Amino acid sequence: MNKVTLAVVPLLLLSACGSENGTPLKKNNTAQDNPPTSASTSQDCGTEFSAERSINKLEFNSVFWQSSSDALQSKPEFRVYADKNSLGATHTISSDVSQCVLAANIFGSGSAQAWQGDSNASFKQGELVYYSPELIFKTALPEVSSLKDWRNKGRPETLSQPIDSVNFTIHYRDQNNNLITFGEDSTNTSTITLACNKSTFDLTLKMQPVVMSAQQQLDQAYCEEVQVGLDTELHCLSVGISQLTGLEQCTFEQTKAILPDQSGNKFIVEIWGGLQFNAQDAELTLTGIKL
């Protein structure tokens, strides 16, 4: 039985984005934001289309309860994406329609494309760009109303939560391994419904020291001051998805995906396939596509 057992765990942050521990920096470049469009319904990718790509990065974040509104509250995440070391890829295609070739390049190839769009802060014309599929699994925070409530419940170290949502994004990747999208999330990211061998994550809860300067950003109901030697430290309850996720196999039915091309255009297609988890990586497989 395969389980996800190894991951790069970024530092405990209020926000999960960053470049700590080799994690690629995510950039949203607003200089070029072409809204996604649908292809002509008279085109298709033929009867022979499949693609498979290794997804080599499995990352987890941990979050604190914040003092901001629920809309801004960070959630525990499990992030799966391809970086520069994602080498395994293959595809079968019988069509020369440009969007079909694009999908084959994104999901079944790790090779570079020459940037053909206008030069901008991220890419110059002719510069090599890569594609990086990413899935982010999210859960809601567990039903713990305060640090006192957690202790009254017996200080549980793990709690089970349903998988809340899975976001699906195709990023550009530059030669410095930065992940780049143009425009707002709504023009790059879709929600994908996965049917997996399990529908919950185990969340790990524990007290963690935080810098005093972050005190105003955190919900003090989950924090306390602790004397450590001659120093006073702020310790707060954190929560993150356990690295032993238990995920093995997921499938997805016909679902929307937004594909960016090497000119900065975006196309809406429908794809279906699966996600297979191995001990240290995953494989994203497409078994069909509809323009």
C-alpha atoms as a PDB file:
ATOM      1  CA  MET A   1       0.000   0.000   0.000  1.00  0.00           C
ATOM      2  CA  ASN A   2       1.526   3.298  -1.087  1.00  0.00           C
ATOM      3  CA  LYS A   3       1.381   6.273   1.225  1.00  0.00           C
ATOM      4  CA  VAL A   4       2.760   9.781   1.079  1.00  0.00           C
ATOM      5  CA  THR A   5       5.488   9.697   3.693  1.00  0.00           C
ATOM      6  CA  LEU A   6       8.043  12.298   2.648  1.00  0.00           C
ATOM      7  CA  ALA A   7       7.627  15.997   2.090  1.00  0.00           C
ATOM      8  CA  VAL A   8       9.367  19.321   2.229  1.00  0.00           C
ATOM      9  CA  VAL A   9       7.806  21.185   5.135  1.00  0.00           C
ATOM     10  CA  PRO A  10       8.134  24.983   4.901  1.00  0.00           C
ATOM     11  CA  LEU A  11       8.657  27.053   8.017  1.00  0.00           C
ATOM     12  CA  LEU A  12       5.594  27.752  10.116  1.00  0.00           C
ATOM     13  CA  LEU A  13       4.206  30.902   8.559  1.00  0.00           C
ATOM     14  CA  LEU A  14       1.026  32.914   8.662  1.00  0.00           C
ATOM     15  CA  SER A  15       0.975  32.666   4.890  1.00  0.00           C
ATOM     16  CA  ALA A  16       1.929  29.497   3.065  1.00  0.00           C
ATOM     17  CA  CYS A  17       3.623  31.176   0.091  1.00  0.00           C
ATOM     18  CA  GLY A  18       7.332  31.847   0.061  1.00  0.00           C
ATOM     19  CA  SER A  19      10.758  30.602  -0.899  1.00  0.00           C
ATOM     20  CA  GLU A  20      11.895  29.034   2.362  1.00  0.00           C
ATOM     21  CA  ASN A  21      13.754  25.720   2.171  1.00  0.00           C
ATOM     22  CA  GLY A  22      13.921  25.769  -1.622  1.00  0.00           C
ATOM     23  CA  THR A  23      10.212  26.226  -2.172  1.00  0.00           C
ATOM     24  CA  PRO A  24       9.675  28.055  -5.492  1.00  0.00           C
ATOM     25  CA  LEU A  25       8.434  31.588  -5.132  1.00  0.00           C
ATOM     26  CA  LYS A  26       4.950  32.188  -6.474  1.00  0.00           C
ATOM     27  CA  LYS A  27       4.542  35.351  -8.506  1.00  0.00           C
ATOM     28  CA  ASN A  28       1.359  36.916  -9.827  1.00  0.00           C
ATOM     29  CA  ASN A  29       2.283  39.214 -12.699  1.00  0.00           C
ATOM     30  CA  THR A  30      -0.529  41.635 -13.501  1.00  0.00           C
ATOM     31  CA  ALA A  31       1.277  43.171 -16.485  1.00  0.00           C
ATOM     32  CA  GLN A  32      -0.306  40.646 -18.836  1.00  0.00           C
ATOM     33  CA  ASP A  33      -3.708  39.274 -17.904  1.00  0.00           C
ATOM     34  CA  ASN A  34      -5.590  37.698 -20.782  1.00  0.00           C
ATOM     35  CA  PRO A  35      -8.891  36.180 -19.629  1.00  0.00           C
ATOM     36  CA  PRO A  36      -9.278  32.488 -20.528  1.00  0.00           C
ATOM     37  CA  THR A  37     -11.332  31.601 -23.600  1.00  0.00           C
ATOM     38  CA  SER A  38     -12.935  28.399 -24.854  1.00  0.00           C
ATOM     39  CA  ALA A  39     -11.813  26.696 -28.041  1.00  0.00           C
ATOM     40  CA  SER A  40     -14.086  26.173 -31.018  1.00  0.00           C
ATOM     41  CA  THR A  41     -16.571  23.350 -30.427  1.00  0.00           C
ATOM     42  CA  SER A  42     -15.805  22.057 -33.926  1.00  0.00           C
ATOM     43  CA  GLN A  43     -12.306  21.024 -32.818  1.00  0.00           C
ATOM     44  CA  ASP A  44     -11.282  18.038 -30.761  1.00  0.00           C
ATOM     45  CA  CYS A  45      -8.159  16.121 -29.811  1.00  0.00           C
ATOM     46  CA  GLY A  46      -9.075  12.905 -31.585  1.00  0.00           C
ATOM     47  CA  THR A  47      -9.592   9.494 -30.072  1.00  0.00           C
ATOM     48  CA  GLU A  48      -5.982   8.951 -29.052  1.00  0.00           C
ATOM     49  CA  PHE A  49      -5.039  11.381 -26.315  1.00  0.00           C
ATOM     50  CA  SER A  50      -3.377  10.572 -23.029  1.00  0.00           C
ATOM     51  CA  ALA A  51      -0.691  12.206 -20.925  1.00  0.00           C
ATOM     52  CA  GLU A  52       1.213  11.375 -17.777  1.00  0.00           C
ATOM     53  CA  ARG A  53       3.548  13.546 -15.747  1.00  0.00           C
ATOM     54  CA  SER A  54       5.548  13.087 -12.570  1.00  0.00           C
ATOM     55  CA  ILE A  55       4.641  15.519  -9.786  1.00  0.00           C
ATOM     56  CA  ASN A  56       7.723  15.494  -7.609  1.00  0.00           C
ATOM     57  CA  LYS A  57       7.038  18.059  -4.867  1.00  0.00           C
ATOM     58  CA  LEU A  58       4.779  17.235  -1.922  1.00  0.00           C
ATOM     59  CA  GLU A  59       4.599  20.031   0.649  1.00  0.00           C
ATOM     60  CA  PHE A  60       2.640  20.739   3.807  1.00  0.00           C
ATOM     61  CA  ASN A  61       2.057  23.935   5.740  1.00  0.00           C
ATOM     62  CA  SER A  62       1.056  24.625   9.312  1.00  0.00           C
ATOM     63  CA  VAL A  63      -1.016  27.628  10.325  1.00  0.00           C
ATOM     64  CA  PHE A  64      -2.023  29.524  13.441  1.00  0.00           C
ATOM     65  CA  TRP A  65      -5.438  30.872  14.304  1.00  0.00           C
ATOM     66  CA  GLN A  66      -5.359  34.498  13.203  1.00  0.00           C
ATOM     67  CA  SER A  67      -7.087  37.580  14.554  1.00  0.00           C
ATOM     68  CA  SER A  68      -8.267  38.613  11.071  1.00  0.00           C
ATOM     69  CA  SER A  69     -11.595  37.775   9.467  1.00  0.00           C
ATOM     70  CA  ASP A  70     -12.465  34.242   8.399  1.00  0.00           C
ATOM     71  CA  ALA A  71     -11.938  35.229   4.762  1.00  0.00           C
ATOM     72  CA  LEU A  72      -8.255  35.962   5.458  1.00  0.00           C
ATOM     73  CA  GLN A  73      -7.620  33.015   7.775  1.00  0.00           C
ATOM     74  CA  SER A  74      -4.979  30.661   6.396  1.00  0.00           C
ATOM     75  CA  LYS A  75      -6.048  27.023   6.137  1.00  0.00           C
ATOM     76  CA  PRO A  76      -4.020  23.814   6.455  1.00  0.00           C
ATOM     77  CA  GLU A  77      -2.805  22.821   2.986  1.00  0.00           C
ATOM     78  CA  PHE A  78      -1.208  19.898   1.188  1.00  0.00           C
ATOM     79  CA  ARG A  79       0.477  21.140  -1.968  1.00  0.00           C
ATOM     80  CA  VAL A  80       1.438  18.907  -4.908  1.00  0.00           C
ATOM     81  CA  TYR A  81       3.341  20.427  -7.854  1.00  0.00           C
ATOM     82  CA  ALA A  82       6.085  19.927 -10.424  1.00  0.00           C
ATOM     83  CA  ASP A  83       9.376  21.806 -10.160  1.00  0.00           C
ATOM     84  CA  LYS A  84      12.578  21.707 -12.229  1.00  0.00           C
ATOM     85  CA  ASN A  85      13.377  18.177 -11.022  1.00  0.00           C
ATOM     86  CA  SER A  86      10.110  16.732 -12.320  1.00  0.00           C
ATOM     87  CA  LEU A  87      11.515  14.683 -15.191  1.00  0.00           C
ATOM     88  CA  GLY A  88       9.159  11.797 -15.916  1.00  0.00           C
ATOM     89  CA  ALA A  89       6.565  12.554 -18.602  1.00  0.00           C
ATOM     90  CA  THR A  90       4.959  10.920 -21.628  1.00  0.00           C
ATOM     91  CA  HIS A  91       1.988  11.512 -23.911  1.00  0.00           C
ATOM     92  CA  THR A  92       0.067  10.124 -26.872  1.00  0.00           C
ATOM     93  CA  ILE A  93      -1.660  12.464 -29.299  1.00  0.00           C
ATOM     94  CA  SER A  94      -3.205  12.049 -32.755  1.00  0.00           C
ATOM     95  CA  SER A  95      -4.270  15.666 -33.316  1.00  0.00           C
ATOM     96  CA  ASP A  96      -2.362  18.752 -34.417  1.00  0.00           C
ATOM     97  CA  VAL A  97      -4.914  21.211 -32.981  1.00  0.00           C
ATOM     98  CA  SER A  98      -2.903  23.805 -31.055  1.00  0.00           C
ATOM     99  CA  GLN A  99      -4.810  23.434 -27.767  1.00  0.00           C
ATOM    100  CA  CYS A 100      -4.354  19.657 -27.901  1.00  0.00           C
ATOM    101  CA  VAL A 101      -0.623  20.041 -28.454  1.00  0.00           C
ATOM    102  CA  LEU A 102      -0.540  22.561 -25.600  1.00  0.00           C
ATOM    103  CA  ALA A 103      -2.254  20.099 -23.250  1.00  0.00           C
ATOM    104  CA  ALA A 104       0.204  17.376 -24.277  1.00  0.00           C
ATOM    105  CA  ASN A 105       3.113  19.716 -23.519  1.00  0.00           C
ATOM    106  CA  ILE A 106       1.712  20.705 -20.115  1.00  0.00           C
ATOM    107  CA  PHE A 107       0.621  17.284 -18.872  1.00  0.00           C
ATOM    108  CA  GLY A 108       2.906  14.955 -20.796  1.00  0.00           C
ATOM    109  CA  SER A 109       6.228  16.740 -21.217  1.00  0.00           C
ATOM    110  CA  GLY A 110       8.825  18.518 -19.107  1.00  0.00           C
ATOM    111  CA  SER A 111      10.460  20.309 -22.023  1.00  0.00           C
ATOM    112  CA  ALA A 112      10.788  24.068 -22.358  1.00  0.00           C
ATOM    113  CA  GLN A 113       8.933  26.381 -24.721  1.00  0.00           C
ATOM    114  CA  ALA A 114      10.188  29.699 -26.097  1.00  0.00           C
ATOM    115  CA  TRP A 115       8.204  32.680 -24.797  1.00  0.00           C
ATOM    116  CA  GLN A 116       6.374  34.250 -27.757  1.00  0.00           C
ATOM    117  CA  GLY A 117       4.383  36.913 -25.919  1.00  0.00           C
ATOM    118  CA  ASP A 118       5.384  40.489 -25.229  1.00  0.00           C
ATOM    119  CA  SER A 119       8.423  40.938 -23.024  1.00  0.00           C
ATOM    120  CA  ASN A 120       7.450  41.642 -19.421  1.00  0.00           C
ATOM    121  CA  ALA A 121       8.881  41.568 -15.910  1.00  0.00           C
ATOM    122  CA  SER A 122       8.829  37.758 -15.886  1.00  0.00           C
ATOM    123  CA  PHE A 123       9.808  36.713 -19.425  1.00  0.00           C
ATOM    124  CA  LYS A 124      11.589  38.229 -22.391  1.00  0.00           C
ATOM    125  CA  GLN A 125      10.743  37.177 -25.931  1.00  0.00           C
ATOM    126  CA  GLY A 126      12.575  33.963 -26.789  1.00  0.00           C
ATOM    127  CA  GLU A 127      13.278  33.101 -23.151  1.00  0.00           C
ATOM    128  CA  LEU A 128      12.680  29.487 -22.162  1.00  0.00           C
ATOM    129  CA  VAL A 129       9.594  28.803 -20.036  1.00  0.00           C
ATOM    130  CA  TYR A 130       8.256  25.598 -18.512  1.00  0.00           C
ATOM    131  CA  TYR A 131       4.845  24.475 -17.272  1.00  0.00           C
ATOM    132  CA  SER A 132       4.136  23.404 -13.712  1.00  0.00           C
ATOM    133  CA  PRO A 133       0.803  21.753 -12.777  1.00  0.00           C
ATOM    134  CA  GLU A 134      -0.168  22.275  -9.136  1.00  0.00           C
ATOM    135  CA  LEU A 135      -2.922  20.880  -6.905  1.00  0.00           C
ATOM    136  CA  ILE A 136      -3.586  22.323  -3.445  1.00  0.00           C
ATOM    137  CA  PHE A 137      -5.674  20.269  -1.014  1.00  0.00           C
ATOM    138  CA  LYS A 138      -7.303  22.329   1.743  1.00  0.00           C
ATOM    139  CA  THR A 139      -9.193  21.550   4.924  1.00  0.00           C
ATOM    140  CA  ALA A 140     -11.113  23.734   7.340  1.00  0.00           C
ATOM    141  CA  LEU A 141      -9.702  24.446  10.782  1.00  0.00           C
ATOM    142  CA  PRO A 142     -10.752  21.881  13.398  1.00  0.00           C
ATOM    143  CA  GLU A 143     -13.538  22.610  15.889  1.00  0.00           C
ATOM    144  CA  VAL A 144     -11.325  24.054  18.613  1.00  0.00           C
ATOM    145  CA  SER A 145     -12.533  27.376  20.001  1.00  0.00           C
ATOM    146  CA  SER A 146      -9.494  28.275  22.112  1.00  0.00           C
ATOM    147  CA  LEU A 147      -6.367  26.953  23.782  1.00  0.00           C
ATOM    148  CA  LYS A 148      -8.462  26.240  26.886  1.00  0.00           C
ATOM    149  CA  ASP A 149     -10.980  24.312  24.782  1.00  0.00           C
ATOM    150  CA  TRP A 150      -8.168  22.222  23.266  1.00  0.00           C
ATOM    151  CA  ARG A 151      -6.871  21.363  26.731  1.00  0.00           C
ATOM    152  CA  ASN A 152     -10.363  20.579  28.006  1.00  0.00           C
ATOM    153  CA  LYS A 153     -10.703  18.107  25.120  1.00  0.00           C
ATOM    154  CA  GLY A 154      -7.597  16.261  26.334  1.00  0.00           C
ATOM    155  CA  ARG A 155      -4.972  18.060  24.217  1.00  0.00           C
ATOM    156  CA  PRO A 156      -5.550  15.882  21.127  1.00  0.00           C
ATOM    157  CA  GLU A 157      -2.464  15.703  18.918  1.00  0.00           C
ATOM    158  CA  THR A 158      -4.485  14.683  15.852  1.00  0.00           C
ATOM    159  CA  LEU A 159      -8.006  15.407  14.648  1.00  0.00           C
ATOM    160  CA  SER A 160      -9.640  14.211  11.432  1.00  0.00           C
ATOM    161  CA  GLN A 161     -11.081  16.751   8.989  1.00  0.00           C
ATOM    162  CA  PRO A 162     -12.780  16.280   5.585  1.00  0.00           C
ATOM    163  CA  ILE A 163     -10.924  17.460   2.496  1.00  0.00           C
ATOM    164  CA  ASP A 164     -12.565  20.838   1.956  1.00  0.00           C
ATOM    165  CA  SER A 165     -11.462  21.667  -1.604  1.00  0.00           C
ATOM    166  CA  VAL A 166      -8.756  21.069  -4.204  1.00  0.00           C
ATOM    167  CA  ASN A 167      -7.501  23.945  -6.355  1.00  0.00           C
ATOM    168  CA  PHE A 168      -5.901  23.223  -9.734  1.00  0.00           C
ATOM    169  CA  THR A 169      -3.504  25.681 -11.390  1.00  0.00           C
ATOM    170  CA  ILE A 170      -1.083  25.526 -14.310  1.00  0.00           C
ATOM    171  CA  HIS A 171       1.851  27.841 -13.614  1.00  0.00           C
ATOM    172  CA  TYR A 172       4.624  29.012 -15.829  1.00  0.00           C
ATOM    173  CA  ARG A 173       8.044  28.214 -14.372  1.00  0.00           C
ATOM    174  CA  ASP A 174      11.137  30.242 -15.156  1.00  0.00           C
ATOM    175  CA  GLN A 175      14.734  29.038 -15.241  1.00  0.00           C
ATOM    176  CA  ASN A 176      15.177  30.084 -11.592  1.00  0.00           C
ATOM    177  CA  ASN A 177      12.405  27.657 -10.588  1.00  0.00           C
ATOM    178  CA  ASN A 178       9.901  30.415  -9.742  1.00  0.00           C
ATOM    179  CA  LEU A 179       6.226  29.634 -10.375  1.00  0.00           C
ATOM    180  CA  ILE A 180       4.474  32.441 -12.258  1.00  0.00           C
ATOM    181  CA  THR A 181       0.903  33.215 -13.232  1.00  0.00           C
ATOM    182  CA  PHE A 182      -0.506  36.267 -14.998  1.00  0.00           C
ATOM    183  CA  GLY A 183      -3.508  37.996 -13.475  1.00  0.00           C
ATOM    184  CA  GLU A 184      -5.885  37.111 -10.681  1.00  0.00           C
ATOM    185  CA  ASP A 185      -6.462  33.634  -9.270  1.00  0.00           C
ATOM    186  CA  SER A 186      -9.892  33.510 -10.910  1.00  0.00           C
ATOM    187  CA  THR A 187      -8.262  33.577 -14.366  1.00  0.00           C
ATOM    188  CA  ASN A 188      -5.752  30.843 -13.531  1.00  0.00           C
ATOM    189  CA  THR A 189      -7.232  28.481 -10.961  1.00  0.00           C
ATOM    190  CA  SER A 190     -10.152  26.073 -11.104  1.00  0.00           C
ATOM    191  CA  THR A 191     -11.651  23.793  -8.471  1.00  0.00           C
ATOM    192  CA  ILE A 192     -11.295  20.092  -9.121  1.00  0.00           C
ATOM    193  CA  THR A 193     -13.424  17.358  -7.535  1.00  0.00           C
ATOM    194  CA  LEU A 194     -11.339  14.307  -6.682  1.00  0.00           C
ATOM    195  CA  ALA A 195     -12.645  10.897  -5.677  1.00  0.00           C
ATOM    196  CA  CYS A 196      -9.850   9.467  -3.531  1.00  0.00           C
ATOM    197  CA  ASN A 197      -9.324   6.308  -1.508  1.00  0.00           C
ATOM    198  CA  LYS A 198      -9.970   8.482   1.561  1.00  0.00           C
ATOM    199  CA  SER A 199     -11.841  11.759   1.971  1.00  0.00           C
ATOM    200  CA  THR A 200     -10.294  13.076   5.191  1.00  0.00           C
ATOM    201  CA  PHE A 201      -6.939  14.292   6.457  1.00  0.00           C
ATOM    202  CA  ASP A 202      -5.487  13.866   9.920  1.00  0.00           C
ATOM    203  CA  LEU A 203      -4.541  17.275  11.307  1.00  0.00           C
ATOM    204  CA  THR A 204      -1.632  17.612  13.723  1.00  0.00           C
ATOM    205  CA  LEU A 205      -2.065  20.098  16.589  1.00  0.00           C
ATOM    206  CA  LYS A 206       0.787  21.320  18.771  1.00  0.00           C
ATOM    207  CA  MET A 207       2.094  24.374  20.580  1.00  0.00           C
ATOM    208  CA  GLN A 208       4.746  26.339  18.703  1.00  0.00           C
ATOM    209  CA  PRO A 209       6.847  29.383  19.651  1.00  0.00           C
ATOM    210  CA  VAL A 210       6.240  32.496  17.556  1.00  0.00           C
ATOM    211  CA  VAL A 211       7.986  35.845  17.438  1.00  0.00           C
ATOM    212  CA  MET A 212       6.460  38.537  19.622  1.00  0.00           C
ATOM    213  CA  SER A 213       6.135  40.851  16.616  1.00  0.00           C
ATOM    214  CA  ALA A 214       3.455  38.516  15.231  1.00  0.00           C
ATOM    215  CA  GLN A 215       1.313  38.823  18.352  1.00  0.00           C
ATOM    216  CA  GLN A 216      -1.191  41.290  16.872  1.00  0.00           C
ATOM    217  CA  GLN A 217      -1.812  39.011  13.883  1.00  0.00           C
ATOM    218  CA  LEU A 218      -2.712  35.994  16.012  1.00  0.00           C
ATOM    219  CA  ASP A 219      -5.862  35.149  17.925  1.00  0.00           C
ATOM    220  CA  GLN A 220      -4.680  35.384  21.521  1.00  0.00           C
ATOM    221  CA  ALA A 221      -7.294  32.848  22.626  1.00  0.00           C
ATOM    222  CA  TYR A 222      -4.936  30.208  21.191  1.00  0.00           C
ATOM    223  CA  CYS A 223      -1.731  31.650  22.675  1.00  0.00           C
ATOM    224  CA  GLU A 224       0.050  32.000  25.999  1.00  0.00           C
ATOM    225  CA  GLU A 225       3.308  33.442  27.282  1.00  0.00           C
ATOM    226  CA  VAL A 226       5.837  30.862  28.465  1.00  0.00           C
ATOM    227  CA  GLN A 227       8.919  31.492  30.597  1.00  0.00           C
ATOM    228  CA  VAL A 228      11.983  29.897  28.978  1.00  0.00           C
ATOM    229  CA  GLY A 229      15.022  30.543  31.129  1.00  0.00           C
ATOM    230  CA  LEU A 230      15.234  34.300  31.541  1.00  0.00           C
ATOM    231  CA  ASP A 231      13.147  34.972  28.453  1.00  0.00           C
ATOM    232  CA  THR A 232       9.407  35.152  27.906  1.00  0.00           C
ATOM    233  CA  GLU A 233       8.220  33.495  24.703  1.00  0.00           C
ATOM    234  CA  LEU A 234       4.845  33.519  22.983  1.00  0.00           C
ATOM    235  CA  HIS A 235       3.592  30.008  22.240  1.00  0.00           C
ATOM    236  CA  CYS A 236       0.469  29.411  20.129  1.00  0.00           C
ATOM    237  CA  LEU A 237      -1.501  26.400  18.985  1.00  0.00           C
ATOM    238  CA  SER A 238      -0.738  25.436  15.384  1.00  0.00           C
ATOM    239  CA  VAL A 239      -2.449  23.003  13.052  1.00  0.00           C
ATOM    240  CA  GLY A 240      -1.231  21.265   9.904  1.00  0.00           C
ATOM    241  CA  ILE A 241      -2.012  18.246   7.741  1.00  0.00           C
ATOM    242  CA  SER A 242      -0.142  15.121   8.821  1.00  0.00           C
ATOM    243  CA  GLN A 243       2.484  13.976   6.316  1.00  0.00           C
ATOM    244  CA  LEU A 244       1.074  10.447   6.577  1.00  0.00           C
ATOM    245  CA  THR A 245      -1.911  11.441   4.456  1.00  0.00           C
ATOM    246  CA  GLY A 246      -2.956   7.914   3.544  1.00  0.00           C
ATOM    247  CA  LEU A 247      -3.726   9.078  -0.001  1.00  0.00           C
ATOM    248  CA  GLU A 248      -3.034   6.432  -2.627  1.00  0.00           C
ATOM    249  CA  GLN A 249      -5.257   6.946  -5.653  1.00  0.00           C
ATOM    250  CA  CYS A 250      -7.580   9.758  -6.779  1.00  0.00           C
ATOM    251  CA  THR A 251      -9.655  10.076  -9.938  1.00  0.00           C
ATOM    252  CA  PHE A 252     -11.498  13.021 -11.425  1.00  0.00           C
ATOM    253  CA  GLU A 253     -14.321  13.158 -13.924  1.00  0.00           C
ATOM    254  CA  GLN A 254     -14.681  15.770 -16.666  1.00  0.00           C
ATOM    255  CA  THR A 255     -13.570  19.022 -15.020  1.00  0.00           C
ATOM    256  CA  LYS A 256     -12.526  22.501 -16.114  1.00  0.00           C
ATOM    257  CA  ALA A 257      -8.859  23.395 -16.460  1.00  0.00           C
ATOM    258  CA  ILE A 258      -7.275  26.682 -17.553  1.00  0.00           C
ATOM    259  CA  LEU A 259      -4.265  26.189 -19.828  1.00  0.00           C
ATOM    260  CA  PRO A 260      -1.803  29.063 -20.458  1.00  0.00           C
ATOM    261  CA  ASP A 261       0.241  29.027 -23.665  1.00  0.00           C
ATOM    262  CA  GLN A 262       3.678  30.457 -24.469  1.00  0.00           C
ATOM    263  CA  SER A 263       2.142  33.724 -25.700  1.00  0.00           C
ATOM    264  CA  GLY A 264       0.227  34.478 -22.502  1.00  0.00           C
ATOM    265  CA  ASN A 265      -3.160  33.346 -23.824  1.00  0.00           C
ATOM    266  CA  LYS A 266      -5.361  31.075 -21.694  1.00  0.00           C
ATOM    267  CA  PHE A 267      -7.771  28.400 -22.832  1.00  0.00           C
ATOM    268  CA  ILE A 268     -10.560  26.620 -20.969  1.00  0.00           C
ATOM    269  CA  VAL A 269     -10.701  22.883 -21.601  1.00  0.00           C
ATOM    270  CA  GLU A 270     -12.257  19.921 -19.835  1.00  0.00           C
ATOM    271  CA  ILE A 271     -10.025  17.068 -18.715  1.00  0.00           C
ATOM    272  CA  TRP A 272     -10.393  13.799 -16.818  1.00  0.00           C
ATOM    273  CA  GLY A 273      -7.938  11.343 -15.352  1.00  0.00           C
ATOM    274  CA  GLY A 274      -6.278  10.470 -12.054  1.00  0.00           C
ATOM    275  CA  LEU A 275      -3.601  11.165  -9.466  1.00  0.00           C
ATOM    276  CA  GLN A 276      -1.504   8.274  -8.163  1.00  0.00           C
ATOM    277  CA  PHE A 277       0.538   8.779  -4.979  1.00  0.00           C
ATOM    278  CA  ASN A 278       3.831   6.960  -4.514  1.00  0.00           C
ATOM    279  CA  ALA A 279       6.174   6.935  -1.517  1.00  0.00           C
ATOM    280  CA  GLN A 280       7.927  10.195  -2.449  1.00  0.00           C
ATOM    281  CA  ASP A 281       6.040  11.708  -5.383  1.00  0.00           C
ATOM    282  CA  ALA A 282       2.857  11.464  -7.426  1.00  0.00           C
ATOM    283  CA  GLU A 283       1.796  10.893 -11.038  1.00  0.00           C
ATOM    284  CA  LEU A 284      -0.838  13.027 -12.740  1.00  0.00           C
ATOM    285  CA  THR A 285      -2.548  11.174 -15.590  1.00  0.00           C
ATOM    286  CA  LEU A 286      -4.942  12.520 -18.216  1.00  0.00           C
ATOM    287  CA  THR A 287      -7.058   9.935 -19.995  1.00  0.00           C
ATOM    288  CA  GLY A 288      -9.176  12.384 -21.958  1.00  0.00           C
ATOM    289  CA  ILE A 289      -9.663  16.000 -22.969  1.00  0.00           C
ATOM    290  CA  LYS A 290     -12.508  18.016 -24.472  1.00  0.00           C
ATOM    291  CA  LEU A 291     -12.056  21.432 -26.051  1.00  0.00           C
END
